[in-house]
Amino acid sequence: MLVDLGYEARPLDFPWLMLPDNHHHNAGNDDEAYHNQDLKCFFSLYTHQIHCLELPEAYERTVCGSSSGWLILRHETTSAVTLLNPLNRAQIALPQLSSSPFYDQDPLPVLHKAILSSDPCRYPFDYKVLAIFGQKRRLICYKARDRTWTMIQDAGVHYEDIISMGNELLATDEVGRLVSCNLDGDWFWFPPNVEEISDPFFFKGGKVYLVGIEGELVMLIRFVQENSSFGRETYDFEVYRYDSMESIWEPISNLGSWTILLGHNQSTAIEARQFKGLIKPNCIYFTDDSLEEDSLLVGHDSGVFSMEDGKVEPLRCISHDFMYVWPRPVWYMPSFA
């Protein structure tokens, strides 16, 4: 495996998996990689090499999103939120969450997951951030050049996933209710709002995700059970596509040549055939994104689920030698546009 402190990105080297800090030993015998707290190590699914990047900007920060080539970081002891491009170390400081009126009213003022509407490098004055926040997992948003975050008041609660698909920002809650988030306009006069696209359609438990595949909207339900060794483990997925003509969700049993990456990243689908057999098609690669941040048994629920036989295999690049896996592994895809 390769330790590369001066990495030049190439499209087929990705996707990368950002590894926990205690996995630096996997990079080899390099003392710098093992002891340098500013290093972040990434495992390439394509090359099976580890790239270690000097990212002091990520120290003491938790990744709560990976979207449009950027990591979305929240400071572990303050309410600061930062966008970081790990390939060129560009940073954008967003307003502190504590500057927002809803912050002190929430008993658990934590940013759970966030995504970008577009790459801020390409649209520096026209990008937006949509996030899931707080104990009740409400939707909040930020628009480039604003001075604070805004809560989407009529969106409801208990959201599970958010994605940017085409020109739409979409969100789903824990029972599969699907909404489109309108973040355009002057929020002083026209506050952000949501439009319900589909009603709740299941009450099965499990965590819900959204992903776009060739212009179609797909929903995944992840089923988790207790594990005596590692706290929790994923054992099954159900997958549905949205039929916009009939306004119904149809079950899918096969992803074909597509592979889905799930976790704290914006859910992403890639064509496995581009990767010469090194990434398995018709599979779901998932990482641990549970809300149990204070548990010692956190970060272990990662693996590869086969849609063909319904079996789960471990992600070999993540070691189970550690009880506490932190920060949790996160998928990263650059923006080459």
C-alpha atoms as a PDB file:
ATOM      1  CA  MET A   1       0.000   0.000   0.000  1.00  0.00           C
ATOM      2  CA  LEU A   2       1.174   3.478  -0.861  1.00  0.00           C
ATOM      3  CA  VAL A   3       1.701   6.478   1.379  1.00  0.00           C
ATOM      4  CA  ASP A   4       1.533   9.537  -0.853  1.00  0.00           C
ATOM      5  CA  LEU A   5       1.819  12.993   0.725  1.00  0.00           C
ATOM      6  CA  GLY A   6       1.866  14.831  -2.600  1.00  0.00           C
ATOM      7  CA  TYR A   7      -1.004  13.224  -4.456  1.00  0.00           C
ATOM      8  CA  GLU A   8      -2.239  14.369  -7.870  1.00  0.00           C
ATOM      9  CA  ALA A   9      -5.855  13.306  -8.396  1.00  0.00           C
ATOM     10  CA  ARG A  10      -6.901  11.126 -11.324  1.00  0.00           C
ATOM     11  CA  PRO A  11     -10.608  10.316 -11.884  1.00  0.00           C
ATOM     12  CA  LEU A  12     -10.326   6.511 -11.869  1.00  0.00           C
ATOM     13  CA  ASP A  13      -8.444   6.500  -8.541  1.00  0.00           C
ATOM     14  CA  PHE A  14     -11.747   7.235  -6.857  1.00  0.00           C
ATOM     15  CA  PRO A  15     -13.936   6.560  -4.914  1.00  0.00           C
ATOM     16  CA  TRP A  16     -11.839   6.998  -1.800  1.00  0.00           C
ATOM     17  CA  LEU A  17     -12.722   5.939   1.720  1.00  0.00           C
ATOM     18  CA  MET A  18     -11.513   8.313   4.425  1.00  0.00           C
ATOM     19  CA  LEU A  19     -10.125   6.026   7.128  1.00  0.00           C
ATOM     20  CA  PRO A  20     -10.328   6.425  10.925  1.00  0.00           C
ATOM     21  CA  ASP A  21      -7.320   8.044  12.587  1.00  0.00           C
ATOM     22  CA  ASN A  22      -6.292   4.804  14.303  1.00  0.00           C
ATOM     23  CA  HIS A  23      -5.841   3.163  10.881  1.00  0.00           C
ATOM     24  CA  HIS A  24      -2.674   5.108  10.040  1.00  0.00           C
ATOM     25  CA  HIS A  25      -0.686   1.950  10.699  1.00  0.00           C
ATOM     26  CA  ASN A  26      -2.240   0.447   7.551  1.00  0.00           C
ATOM     27  CA  ALA A  27      -0.217   2.905   5.487  1.00  0.00           C
ATOM     28  CA  GLY A  28       2.960   0.942   6.205  1.00  0.00           C
ATOM     29  CA  ASN A  29       5.940   1.489   8.451  1.00  0.00           C
ATOM     30  CA  ASP A  30       6.224   5.189   7.818  1.00  0.00           C
ATOM     31  CA  ASP A  31       6.651   6.855  11.233  1.00  0.00           C
ATOM     32  CA  GLU A  32       5.270  10.120   9.900  1.00  0.00           C
ATOM     33  CA  ALA A  33       1.997   8.474   8.870  1.00  0.00           C
ATOM     34  CA  TYR A  34       1.710   6.708  12.204  1.00  0.00           C
ATOM     35  CA  HIS A  35       2.341   9.660  14.543  1.00  0.00           C
ATOM     36  CA  ASN A  36       1.251  12.759  12.601  1.00  0.00           C
ATOM     37  CA  GLN A  37      -2.176  13.796  13.930  1.00  0.00           C
ATOM     38  CA  ASP A  38      -2.648  16.143  10.964  1.00  0.00           C
ATOM     39  CA  LEU A  39      -2.639  13.290   8.439  1.00  0.00           C
ATOM     40  CA  LYS A  40      -5.862  11.906   7.003  1.00  0.00           C
ATOM     41  CA  CYS A  41      -5.580   8.615   5.153  1.00  0.00           C
ATOM     42  CA  PHE A  42      -7.807   7.603   2.238  1.00  0.00           C
ATOM     43  CA  PHE A  43      -8.169   4.117   0.758  1.00  0.00           C
ATOM     44  CA  SER A  44      -8.763   3.889  -3.020  1.00  0.00           C
ATOM     45  CA  LEU A  45     -11.255   1.189  -3.976  1.00  0.00           C
ATOM     46  CA  TYR A  46      -9.726   1.123  -7.469  1.00  0.00           C
ATOM     47  CA  THR A  47      -5.986   0.996  -6.781  1.00  0.00           C
ATOM     48  CA  HIS A  48      -6.196  -0.521  -3.271  1.00  0.00           C
ATOM     49  CA  GLN A  49      -3.599   2.029  -2.212  1.00  0.00           C
ATOM     50  CA  ILE A  50      -3.666   4.384   0.755  1.00  0.00           C
ATOM     51  CA  HIS A  51      -3.078   8.092   0.162  1.00  0.00           C
ATOM     52  CA  CYS A  52      -2.195  10.128   3.246  1.00  0.00           C
ATOM     53  CA  LEU A  53      -2.822  13.862   2.961  1.00  0.00           C
ATOM     54  CA  GLU A  54      -1.639  16.580   5.323  1.00  0.00           C
ATOM     55  CA  LEU A  55      -4.915  18.122   6.510  1.00  0.00           C
ATOM     56  CA  PRO A  56      -4.427  20.024   9.772  1.00  0.00           C
ATOM     57  CA  GLU A  57      -7.695  21.804   8.919  1.00  0.00           C
ATOM     58  CA  ALA A  58      -9.552  18.563   9.712  1.00  0.00           C
ATOM     59  CA  TYR A  59      -8.028  18.067  13.167  1.00  0.00           C
ATOM     60  CA  GLU A  60     -10.641  17.827  15.942  1.00  0.00           C
ATOM     61  CA  ARG A  61     -13.409  18.019  13.372  1.00  0.00           C
ATOM     62  CA  THR A  62     -16.070  15.462  12.531  1.00  0.00           C
ATOM     63  CA  VAL A  63     -17.092  14.808   8.939  1.00  0.00           C
ATOM     64  CA  CYS A  64     -20.847  15.268   8.665  1.00  0.00           C
ATOM     65  CA  GLY A  65     -20.954  15.340   4.872  1.00  0.00           C
ATOM     66  CA  SER A  66     -19.050  14.577   1.695  1.00  0.00           C
ATOM     67  CA  SER A  67     -20.523  16.260  -1.363  1.00  0.00           C
ATOM     68  CA  SER A  68     -19.441  17.865  -4.672  1.00  0.00           C
ATOM     69  CA  GLY A  69     -15.749  17.232  -3.935  1.00  0.00           C
ATOM     70  CA  TRP A  70     -15.818  18.791  -0.446  1.00  0.00           C
ATOM     71  CA  LEU A  71     -15.846  17.485   3.106  1.00  0.00           C
ATOM     72  CA  ILE A  72     -18.305  19.232   5.423  1.00  0.00           C
ATOM     73  CA  LEU A  73     -16.774  19.431   8.888  1.00  0.00           C
ATOM     74  CA  ARG A  74     -18.107  20.436  12.274  1.00  0.00           C
ATOM     75  CA  HIS A  75     -15.792  21.232  15.147  1.00  0.00           C
ATOM     76  CA  GLU A  76     -16.061  18.688  17.955  1.00  0.00           C
ATOM     77  CA  THR A  77     -16.267  21.275  20.757  1.00  0.00           C
ATOM     78  CA  THR A  78     -17.741  24.373  19.086  1.00  0.00           C
ATOM     79  CA  SER A  79     -20.526  25.016  16.592  1.00  0.00           C
ATOM     80  CA  ALA A  80     -18.130  25.916  13.757  1.00  0.00           C
ATOM     81  CA  VAL A  81     -18.838  24.430  10.305  1.00  0.00           C
ATOM     82  CA  THR A  82     -16.224  24.370   7.537  1.00  0.00           C
ATOM     83  CA  LEU A  83     -16.058  23.165   3.936  1.00  0.00           C
ATOM     84  CA  LEU A  84     -12.722  21.535   3.081  1.00  0.00           C
ATOM     85  CA  ASN A  85     -11.454  20.296  -0.273  1.00  0.00           C
ATOM     86  CA  PRO A  86      -8.922  17.620   0.767  1.00  0.00           C
ATOM     87  CA  LEU A  87      -7.127  17.620  -2.588  1.00  0.00           C
ATOM     88  CA  ASN A  88      -6.092  21.295  -2.586  1.00  0.00           C
ATOM     89  CA  ARG A  89      -6.824  22.211   1.074  1.00  0.00           C
ATOM     90  CA  ALA A  90      -9.199  25.008   0.057  1.00  0.00           C
ATOM     91  CA  GLN A  91     -11.454  26.044   2.936  1.00  0.00           C
ATOM     92  CA  ILE A  92     -14.716  27.927   3.287  1.00  0.00           C
ATOM     93  CA  ALA A  93     -15.865  28.911   6.774  1.00  0.00           C
ATOM     94  CA  LEU A  94     -19.630  28.844   7.134  1.00  0.00           C
ATOM     95  CA  PRO A  95     -21.495  30.727   9.889  1.00  0.00           C
ATOM     96  CA  GLN A  96     -21.335  29.101  13.305  1.00  0.00           C
ATOM     97  CA  LEU A  97     -24.487  27.188  14.106  1.00  0.00           C
ATOM     98  CA  SER A  98     -24.703  29.058  17.413  1.00  0.00           C
ATOM     99  CA  SER A  99     -25.402  32.257  15.468  1.00  0.00           C
ATOM    100  CA  SER A 100     -28.793  30.847  14.475  1.00  0.00           C
ATOM    101  CA  PRO A 101     -31.856  31.458  16.661  1.00  0.00           C
ATOM    102  CA  PHE A 102     -32.844  27.773  16.728  1.00  0.00           C
ATOM    103  CA  TYR A 103     -29.477  26.589  18.111  1.00  0.00           C
ATOM    104  CA  ASP A 104     -30.035  27.232  21.832  1.00  0.00           C
ATOM    105  CA  GLN A 105     -33.567  25.855  21.666  1.00  0.00           C
ATOM    106  CA  ASP A 106     -32.380  22.352  20.735  1.00  0.00           C
ATOM    107  CA  PRO A 107     -31.281  19.904  23.472  1.00  0.00           C
ATOM    108  CA  LEU A 108     -28.953  18.159  20.984  1.00  0.00           C
ATOM    109  CA  PRO A 109     -27.635  20.931  18.681  1.00  0.00           C
ATOM    110  CA  VAL A 110     -25.631  18.669  16.374  1.00  0.00           C
ATOM    111  CA  LEU A 111     -25.276  18.696  12.589  1.00  0.00           C
ATOM    112  CA  HIS A 112     -25.958  15.065  11.625  1.00  0.00           C
ATOM    113  CA  LYS A 113     -25.548  15.203   7.837  1.00  0.00           C
ATOM    114  CA  ALA A 114     -25.055  17.941   5.244  1.00  0.00           C
ATOM    115  CA  ILE A 115     -24.801  18.190   1.453  1.00  0.00           C
ATOM    116  CA  LEU A 116     -23.974  20.861  -1.115  1.00  0.00           C
ATOM    117  CA  SER A 117     -26.208  21.886  -3.997  1.00  0.00           C
ATOM    118  CA  SER A 118     -23.124  22.441  -6.183  1.00  0.00           C
ATOM    119  CA  ASP A 119     -19.351  22.884  -6.094  1.00  0.00           C
ATOM    120  CA  PRO A 120     -18.556  26.244  -4.407  1.00  0.00           C
ATOM    121  CA  CYS A 121     -15.466  26.594  -6.622  1.00  0.00           C
ATOM    122  CA  ARG A 122     -17.677  26.688  -9.701  1.00  0.00           C
ATOM    123  CA  TYR A 123     -20.576  28.618  -8.141  1.00  0.00           C
ATOM    124  CA  PRO A 124     -19.034  30.697  -5.332  1.00  0.00           C
ATOM    125  CA  PHE A 125     -22.059  32.983  -5.029  1.00  0.00           C
ATOM    126  CA  ASP A 126     -24.819  30.495  -5.782  1.00  0.00           C
ATOM    127  CA  TYR A 127     -24.276  27.310  -3.774  1.00  0.00           C
ATOM    128  CA  LYS A 128     -26.461  26.114  -0.913  1.00  0.00           C
ATOM    129  CA  VAL A 129     -26.022  23.725   2.006  1.00  0.00           C
ATOM    130  CA  LEU A 130     -28.880  21.511   3.170  1.00  0.00           C
ATOM    131  CA  ALA A 131     -28.461  19.723   6.499  1.00  0.00           C
ATOM    132  CA  ILE A 132     -30.185  17.509   9.072  1.00  0.00           C
ATOM    133  CA  PHE A 133     -29.917  19.070  12.520  1.00  0.00           C
ATOM    134  CA  GLY A 134     -30.711  18.499  16.164  1.00  0.00           C
ATOM    135  CA  GLN A 135     -32.523  16.029  18.354  1.00  0.00           C
ATOM    136  CA  LYS A 136     -35.589  15.908  16.100  1.00  0.00           C
ATOM    137  CA  ARG A 137     -33.522  15.812  12.893  1.00  0.00           C
ATOM    138  CA  ARG A 138     -35.013  18.918  11.294  1.00  0.00           C
ATOM    139  CA  LEU A 139     -33.923  20.438   7.978  1.00  0.00           C
ATOM    140  CA  ILE A 140     -31.775  23.558   8.064  1.00  0.00           C
ATOM    141  CA  CYS A 141     -30.059  25.371   5.212  1.00  0.00           C
ATOM    142  CA  TYR A 142     -27.436  27.945   4.340  1.00  0.00           C
ATOM    143  CA  LYS A 143     -27.097  30.049   1.193  1.00  0.00           C
ATOM    144  CA  ALA A 144     -23.798  31.468  -0.055  1.00  0.00           C
ATOM    145  CA  ARG A 145     -23.014  34.883   1.490  1.00  0.00           C
ATOM    146  CA  ASP A 146     -25.726  34.595   4.170  1.00  0.00           C
ATOM    147  CA  ARG A 147     -24.703  35.355   7.748  1.00  0.00           C
ATOM    148  CA  THR A 148     -26.601  32.586   9.475  1.00  0.00           C
ATOM    149  CA  TRP A 149     -28.345  29.244   9.022  1.00  0.00           C
ATOM    150  CA  THR A 150     -32.114  29.036   8.460  1.00  0.00           C
ATOM    151  CA  MET A 151     -34.513  26.343   9.655  1.00  0.00           C
ATOM    152  CA  ILE A 152     -37.119  25.123   7.155  1.00  0.00           C
ATOM    153  CA  GLN A 153     -40.065  25.539   9.501  1.00  0.00           C
ATOM    154  CA  ASP A 154     -42.745  23.587   7.623  1.00  0.00           C
ATOM    155  CA  ALA A 155     -40.532  20.616   6.708  1.00  0.00           C
ATOM    156  CA  GLY A 156     -41.390  18.449   9.702  1.00  0.00           C
ATOM    157  CA  VAL A 157     -39.024  16.207  11.667  1.00  0.00           C
ATOM    158  CA  HIS A 158     -37.114  12.913  11.749  1.00  0.00           C
ATOM    159  CA  TYR A 159     -35.280  13.242   8.430  1.00  0.00           C
ATOM    160  CA  GLU A 160     -32.895  10.474   7.401  1.00  0.00           C
ATOM    161  CA  ASP A 161     -31.234  11.517   4.127  1.00  0.00           C
ATOM    162  CA  ILE A 162     -30.784  14.438   1.747  1.00  0.00           C
ATOM    163  CA  ILE A 163     -29.403  14.585  -1.807  1.00  0.00           C
ATOM    164  CA  SER A 164     -28.842  17.012  -4.643  1.00  0.00           C
ATOM    165  CA  MET A 165     -30.222  15.567  -7.884  1.00  0.00           C
ATOM    166  CA  GLY A 166     -30.198  17.700 -11.006  1.00  0.00           C
ATOM    167  CA  ASN A 167     -31.529  21.077  -9.921  1.00  0.00           C
ATOM    168  CA  GLU A 168     -33.459  19.635  -6.975  1.00  0.00           C
ATOM    169  CA  LEU A 169     -32.634  19.199  -3.310  1.00  0.00           C
ATOM    170  CA  LEU A 170     -34.548  16.199  -2.005  1.00  0.00           C
ATOM    171  CA  ALA A 171     -35.073  14.810   1.494  1.00  0.00           C
ATOM    172  CA  THR A 172     -36.741  11.772   3.034  1.00  0.00           C
ATOM    173  CA  ASP A 173     -37.802  11.004   6.585  1.00  0.00           C
ATOM    174  CA  GLU A 174     -37.783   7.759   8.548  1.00  0.00           C
ATOM    175  CA  VAL A 175     -41.030   6.478   6.998  1.00  0.00           C
ATOM    176  CA  GLY A 176     -40.190   7.292   3.373  1.00  0.00           C
ATOM    177  CA  ARG A 177     -41.988  10.614   3.008  1.00  0.00           C
ATOM    178  CA  LEU A 178     -40.277  12.416   0.122  1.00  0.00           C
ATOM    179  CA  VAL A 179     -40.016  16.210  -0.157  1.00  0.00           C
ATOM    180  CA  SER A 180     -38.415  18.684  -2.530  1.00  0.00           C
ATOM    181  CA  CYS A 181     -36.716  21.651  -0.858  1.00  0.00           C
ATOM    182  CA  ASN A 182     -37.120  25.069  -2.470  1.00  0.00           C
ATOM    183  CA  LEU A 183     -34.139  27.165  -1.367  1.00  0.00           C
ATOM    184  CA  ASP A 184     -34.333  29.811  -4.103  1.00  0.00           C
ATOM    185  CA  GLY A 185     -35.405  33.410  -3.752  1.00  0.00           C
ATOM    186  CA  ASP A 186     -34.870  36.016  -1.071  1.00  0.00           C
ATOM    187  CA  TRP A 187     -35.380  34.210   2.234  1.00  0.00           C
ATOM    188  CA  PHE A 188     -36.345  37.432   3.983  1.00  0.00           C
ATOM    189  CA  TRP A 189     -39.476  37.657   1.827  1.00  0.00           C
ATOM    190  CA  PHE A 190     -39.842  34.023   0.727  1.00  0.00           C
ATOM    191  CA  PRO A 191     -38.550  31.645   3.404  1.00  0.00           C
ATOM    192  CA  PRO A 192     -37.310  28.214   2.261  1.00  0.00           C
ATOM    193  CA  ASN A 193     -40.025  25.585   2.130  1.00  0.00           C
ATOM    194  CA  VAL A 194     -40.684  22.011   1.108  1.00  0.00           C
ATOM    195  CA  GLU A 195     -43.148  20.435  -1.294  1.00  0.00           C
ATOM    196  CA  GLU A 196     -44.284  16.899  -0.536  1.00  0.00           C
ATOM    197  CA  ILE A 197     -43.712  14.611  -3.515  1.00  0.00           C
ATOM    198  CA  SER A 198     -44.827  11.298  -2.050  1.00  0.00           C
ATOM    199  CA  ASP A 199     -46.564  10.164   1.127  1.00  0.00           C
ATOM    200  CA  PRO A 200     -44.984   7.835   3.688  1.00  0.00           C
ATOM    201  CA  PHE A 201     -45.143   4.329   2.275  1.00  0.00           C
ATOM    202  CA  PHE A 202     -43.657   2.005   4.877  1.00  0.00           C
ATOM    203  CA  PHE A 203     -43.285   1.544   8.616  1.00  0.00           C
ATOM    204  CA  LYS A 204     -40.511  -1.030   8.681  1.00  0.00           C
ATOM    205  CA  GLY A 205     -37.870   0.671  10.757  1.00  0.00           C
ATOM    206  CA  GLY A 206     -34.356   0.851   9.393  1.00  0.00           C
ATOM    207  CA  LYS A 207     -32.482   3.808   7.980  1.00  0.00           C
ATOM    208  CA  VAL A 208     -33.598   5.415   4.702  1.00  0.00           C
ATOM    209  CA  TYR A 209     -31.409   6.780   1.877  1.00  0.00           C
ATOM    210  CA  LEU A 210     -31.924   8.495  -1.480  1.00  0.00           C
ATOM    211  CA  VAL A 211     -29.718   8.208  -4.569  1.00  0.00           C
ATOM    212  CA  GLY A 212     -30.005   9.104  -8.241  1.00  0.00           C
ATOM    213  CA  ILE A 213     -29.233   6.487 -10.913  1.00  0.00           C
ATOM    214  CA  GLU A 214     -29.336   7.611 -14.548  1.00  0.00           C
ATOM    215  CA  GLY A 215     -31.917  10.281 -13.772  1.00  0.00           C
ATOM    216  CA  GLU A 216     -34.133   7.984 -11.702  1.00  0.00           C
ATOM    217  CA  LEU A 217     -34.703   8.451  -7.994  1.00  0.00           C
ATOM    218  CA  VAL A 218     -33.959   5.380  -5.876  1.00  0.00           C
ATOM    219  CA  MET A 219     -34.725   4.801  -2.194  1.00  0.00           C
ATOM    220  CA  LEU A 220     -32.883   2.301  -0.007  1.00  0.00           C
ATOM    221  CA  ILE A 221     -33.919   0.946   3.386  1.00  0.00           C
ATOM    222  CA  ARG A 222     -31.084  -0.344   5.559  1.00  0.00           C
ATOM    223  CA  PHE A 223     -31.912  -2.890   8.244  1.00  0.00           C
ATOM    224  CA  VAL A 224     -29.730  -3.085  11.341  1.00  0.00           C
ATOM    225  CA  GLN A 225     -29.620  -5.529  14.252  1.00  0.00           C
ATOM    226  CA  GLU A 226     -27.750  -5.709  17.543  1.00  0.00           C
ATOM    227  CA  ASN A 227     -24.266  -7.236  17.566  1.00  0.00           C
ATOM    228  CA  SER A 228     -22.759  -8.334  20.873  1.00  0.00           C
ATOM    229  CA  SER A 229     -19.199  -7.553  19.724  1.00  0.00           C
ATOM    230  CA  PHE A 230     -19.644  -4.258  17.847  1.00  0.00           C
ATOM    231  CA  GLY A 231     -22.958  -2.830  18.995  1.00  0.00           C
ATOM    232  CA  ARG A 232     -24.827  -3.019  15.692  1.00  0.00           C
ATOM    233  CA  GLU A 233     -24.598  -4.525  12.228  1.00  0.00           C
ATOM    234  CA  THR A 234     -26.389  -4.144   8.897  1.00  0.00           C
ATOM    235  CA  TYR A 235     -27.972  -7.375   7.680  1.00  0.00           C
ATOM    236  CA  ASP A 236     -30.245  -6.413   4.774  1.00  0.00           C
ATOM    237  CA  PHE A 237     -31.329  -3.723   2.284  1.00  0.00           C
ATOM    238  CA  GLU A 238     -34.498  -3.101   0.321  1.00  0.00           C
ATOM    239  CA  VAL A 239     -34.336  -0.938  -2.811  1.00  0.00           C
ATOM    240  CA  TYR A 240     -37.110   0.954  -4.617  1.00  0.00           C
ATOM    241  CA  ARG A 241     -37.345   3.226  -7.658  1.00  0.00           C
ATOM    242  CA  TYR A 242     -39.776   6.125  -7.831  1.00  0.00           C
ATOM    243  CA  ASP A 243     -42.308   6.040 -10.665  1.00  0.00           C
ATOM    244  CA  SER A 244     -43.089   9.725 -11.070  1.00  0.00           C
ATOM    245  CA  MET A 245     -45.952   9.047 -13.515  1.00  0.00           C
ATOM    246  CA  GLU A 246     -47.819   6.836 -11.044  1.00  0.00           C
ATOM    247  CA  SER A 247     -46.360   8.466  -7.902  1.00  0.00           C
ATOM    248  CA  ILE A 248     -45.451   5.093  -6.428  1.00  0.00           C
ATOM    249  CA  TRP A 249     -42.301   3.311  -5.258  1.00  0.00           C
ATOM    250  CA  GLU A 250     -41.530   0.068  -7.108  1.00  0.00           C
ATOM    251  CA  PRO A 251     -39.224  -2.595  -5.624  1.00  0.00           C
ATOM    252  CA  ILE A 252     -35.890  -3.295  -7.340  1.00  0.00           C
ATOM    253  CA  SER A 253     -34.082  -6.623  -7.033  1.00  0.00           C
ATOM    254  CA  ASN A 254     -31.077  -5.845  -9.235  1.00  0.00           C
ATOM    255  CA  LEU A 255     -28.864  -2.778  -9.708  1.00  0.00           C
ATOM    256  CA  GLY A 256     -27.270  -4.150 -12.891  1.00  0.00           C
ATOM    257  CA  SER A 257     -23.808  -2.669 -13.402  1.00  0.00           C
ATOM    258  CA  TRP A 258     -24.374   0.014 -10.756  1.00  0.00           C
ATOM    259  CA  THR A 259     -22.839   0.183  -7.282  1.00  0.00           C
ATOM    260  CA  ILE A 260     -24.118   2.467  -4.509  1.00  0.00           C
ATOM    261  CA  LEU A 261     -21.979   4.165  -1.830  1.00  0.00           C
ATOM    262  CA  LEU A 262     -23.807   5.021   1.413  1.00  0.00           C
ATOM    263  CA  GLY A 263     -22.892   6.678   4.697  1.00  0.00           C
ATOM    264  CA  HIS A 264     -22.223  10.259   5.769  1.00  0.00           C
ATOM    265  CA  ASN A 265     -21.457  11.063   2.128  1.00  0.00           C
ATOM    266  CA  GLN A 266     -24.087  12.252  -0.301  1.00  0.00           C
ATOM    267  CA  SER A 267     -25.403   8.876  -1.482  1.00  0.00           C
ATOM    268  CA  THR A 268     -23.715   8.101  -4.794  1.00  0.00           C
ATOM    269  CA  ALA A 269     -24.121   5.553  -7.596  1.00  0.00           C
ATOM    270  CA  ILE A 270     -21.158   4.586  -9.806  1.00  0.00           C
ATOM    271  CA  GLU A 271     -20.880   2.218 -12.762  1.00  0.00           C
ATOM    272  CA  ALA A 272     -18.727  -0.669 -11.575  1.00  0.00           C
ATOM    273  CA  ARG A 273     -17.743  -1.758 -15.098  1.00  0.00           C
ATOM    274  CA  GLN A 274     -15.489   1.308 -15.358  1.00  0.00           C
ATOM    275  CA  PHE A 275     -13.294  -0.162 -12.629  1.00  0.00           C
ATOM    276  CA  LYS A 276     -12.187  -3.409 -14.318  1.00  0.00           C
ATOM    277  CA  GLY A 277     -13.664  -5.769 -11.763  1.00  0.00           C
ATOM    278  CA  LEU A 278     -12.094  -4.051  -8.739  1.00  0.00           C
ATOM    279  CA  ILE A 279     -15.449  -2.687  -7.578  1.00  0.00           C
ATOM    280  CA  LYS A 280     -18.316  -5.174  -7.409  1.00  0.00           C
ATOM    281  CA  PRO A 281     -21.444  -4.380  -9.451  1.00  0.00           C
ATOM    282  CA  ASN A 282     -24.961  -4.864  -8.111  1.00  0.00           C
ATOM    283  CA  CYS A 283     -23.710  -4.105  -4.594  1.00  0.00           C
ATOM    284  CA  ILE A 284     -24.136  -1.513  -1.853  1.00  0.00           C
ATOM    285  CA  TYR A 285     -20.943  -0.306  -0.147  1.00  0.00           C
ATOM    286  CA  PHE A 286     -21.940   1.156   3.213  1.00  0.00           C
ATOM    287  CA  THR A 287     -20.249   2.762   6.215  1.00  0.00           C
ATOM    288  CA  ASP A 288     -21.353   3.371   9.788  1.00  0.00           C
ATOM    289  CA  ASP A 289     -23.439   6.552  10.048  1.00  0.00           C
ATOM    290  CA  SER A 290     -25.428   5.847  13.212  1.00  0.00           C
ATOM    291  CA  LEU A 291     -26.346   8.721  15.505  1.00  0.00           C
ATOM    292  CA  GLU A 292     -24.735   7.075  18.543  1.00  0.00           C
ATOM    293  CA  GLU A 293     -21.634   9.244  18.705  1.00  0.00           C
ATOM    294  CA  ASP A 294     -20.916   8.726  22.408  1.00  0.00           C
ATOM    295  CA  SER A 295     -20.884   4.917  22.284  1.00  0.00           C
ATOM    296  CA  LEU A 296     -17.544   3.133  22.526  1.00  0.00           C
ATOM    297  CA  LEU A 297     -18.837   0.601  20.013  1.00  0.00           C
ATOM    298  CA  VAL A 298     -19.102   3.015  17.132  1.00  0.00           C
ATOM    299  CA  GLY A 299     -17.860   2.986  13.554  1.00  0.00           C
ATOM    300  CA  HIS A 300     -17.787  -0.766  12.909  1.00  0.00           C
ATOM    301  CA  ASP A 301     -20.954  -1.161  10.848  1.00  0.00           C
ATOM    302  CA  SER A 302     -19.345  -1.033   7.400  1.00  0.00           C
ATOM    303  CA  GLY A 303     -19.437  -3.567   4.606  1.00  0.00           C
ATOM    304  CA  VAL A 304     -20.527  -4.623   1.122  1.00  0.00           C
ATOM    305  CA  PHE A 305     -24.072  -5.904   0.576  1.00  0.00           C
ATOM    306  CA  SER A 306     -24.705  -8.056  -2.508  1.00  0.00           C
ATOM    307  CA  MET A 307     -28.094  -7.563  -4.142  1.00  0.00           C
ATOM    308  CA  GLU A 308     -27.633 -10.934  -5.856  1.00  0.00           C
ATOM    309  CA  ASP A 309     -27.353 -13.214  -2.831  1.00  0.00           C
ATOM    310  CA  GLY A 310     -28.297 -10.877   0.050  1.00  0.00           C
ATOM    311  CA  LYS A 311     -25.000 -11.466   1.855  1.00  0.00           C
ATOM    312  CA  VAL A 312     -22.798  -8.907   3.606  1.00  0.00           C
ATOM    313  CA  GLU A 313     -19.006  -8.941   3.349  1.00  0.00           C
ATOM    314  CA  PRO A 314     -16.682  -6.745   5.430  1.00  0.00           C
ATOM    315  CA  LEU A 315     -14.787  -3.821   3.942  1.00  0.00           C
ATOM    316  CA  ARG A 316     -11.279  -5.250   4.135  1.00  0.00           C
ATOM    317  CA  CYS A 317      -9.595  -1.864   4.476  1.00  0.00           C
ATOM    318  CA  ILE A 318     -11.299  -1.227   7.854  1.00  0.00           C
ATOM    319  CA  SER A 319      -9.739  -3.035  10.786  1.00  0.00           C
ATOM    320  CA  HIS A 320     -11.835  -4.487  13.605  1.00  0.00           C
ATOM    321  CA  ASP A 321      -8.812  -4.589  15.913  1.00  0.00           C
ATOM    322  CA  PHE A 322     -10.003  -1.343  17.514  1.00  0.00           C
ATOM    323  CA  MET A 323     -13.083  -1.066  19.695  1.00  0.00           C
ATOM    324  CA  TYR A 324     -13.457   2.660  18.965  1.00  0.00           C
ATOM    325  CA  VAL A 325     -13.363   3.537  15.260  1.00  0.00           C
ATOM    326  CA  TRP A 326     -13.236   7.348  15.015  1.00  0.00           C
ATOM    327  CA  PRO A 327     -13.759   9.389  13.018  1.00  0.00           C
ATOM    328  CA  ARG A 328     -16.037   7.044  11.166  1.00  0.00           C
ATOM    329  CA  PRO A 329     -15.102   6.067   7.600  1.00  0.00           C
ATOM    330  CA  VAL A 330     -16.602   8.354   4.940  1.00  0.00           C
ATOM    331  CA  TRP A 331     -16.731   7.982   1.149  1.00  0.00           C
ATOM    332  CA  TYR A 332     -15.155  10.793  -0.854  1.00  0.00           C
ATOM    333  CA  MET A 333     -15.575  11.621  -4.550  1.00  0.00           C
ATOM    334  CA  PRO A 334     -13.907  14.693  -6.111  1.00  0.00           C
ATOM    335  CA  SER A 335     -15.538  17.132  -8.482  1.00  0.00           C
ATOM    336  CA  PHE A 336     -13.675  16.959 -11.815  1.00  0.00           C
ATOM    337  CA  ALA A 337     -16.181  19.109 -13.713  1.00  0.00           C
END
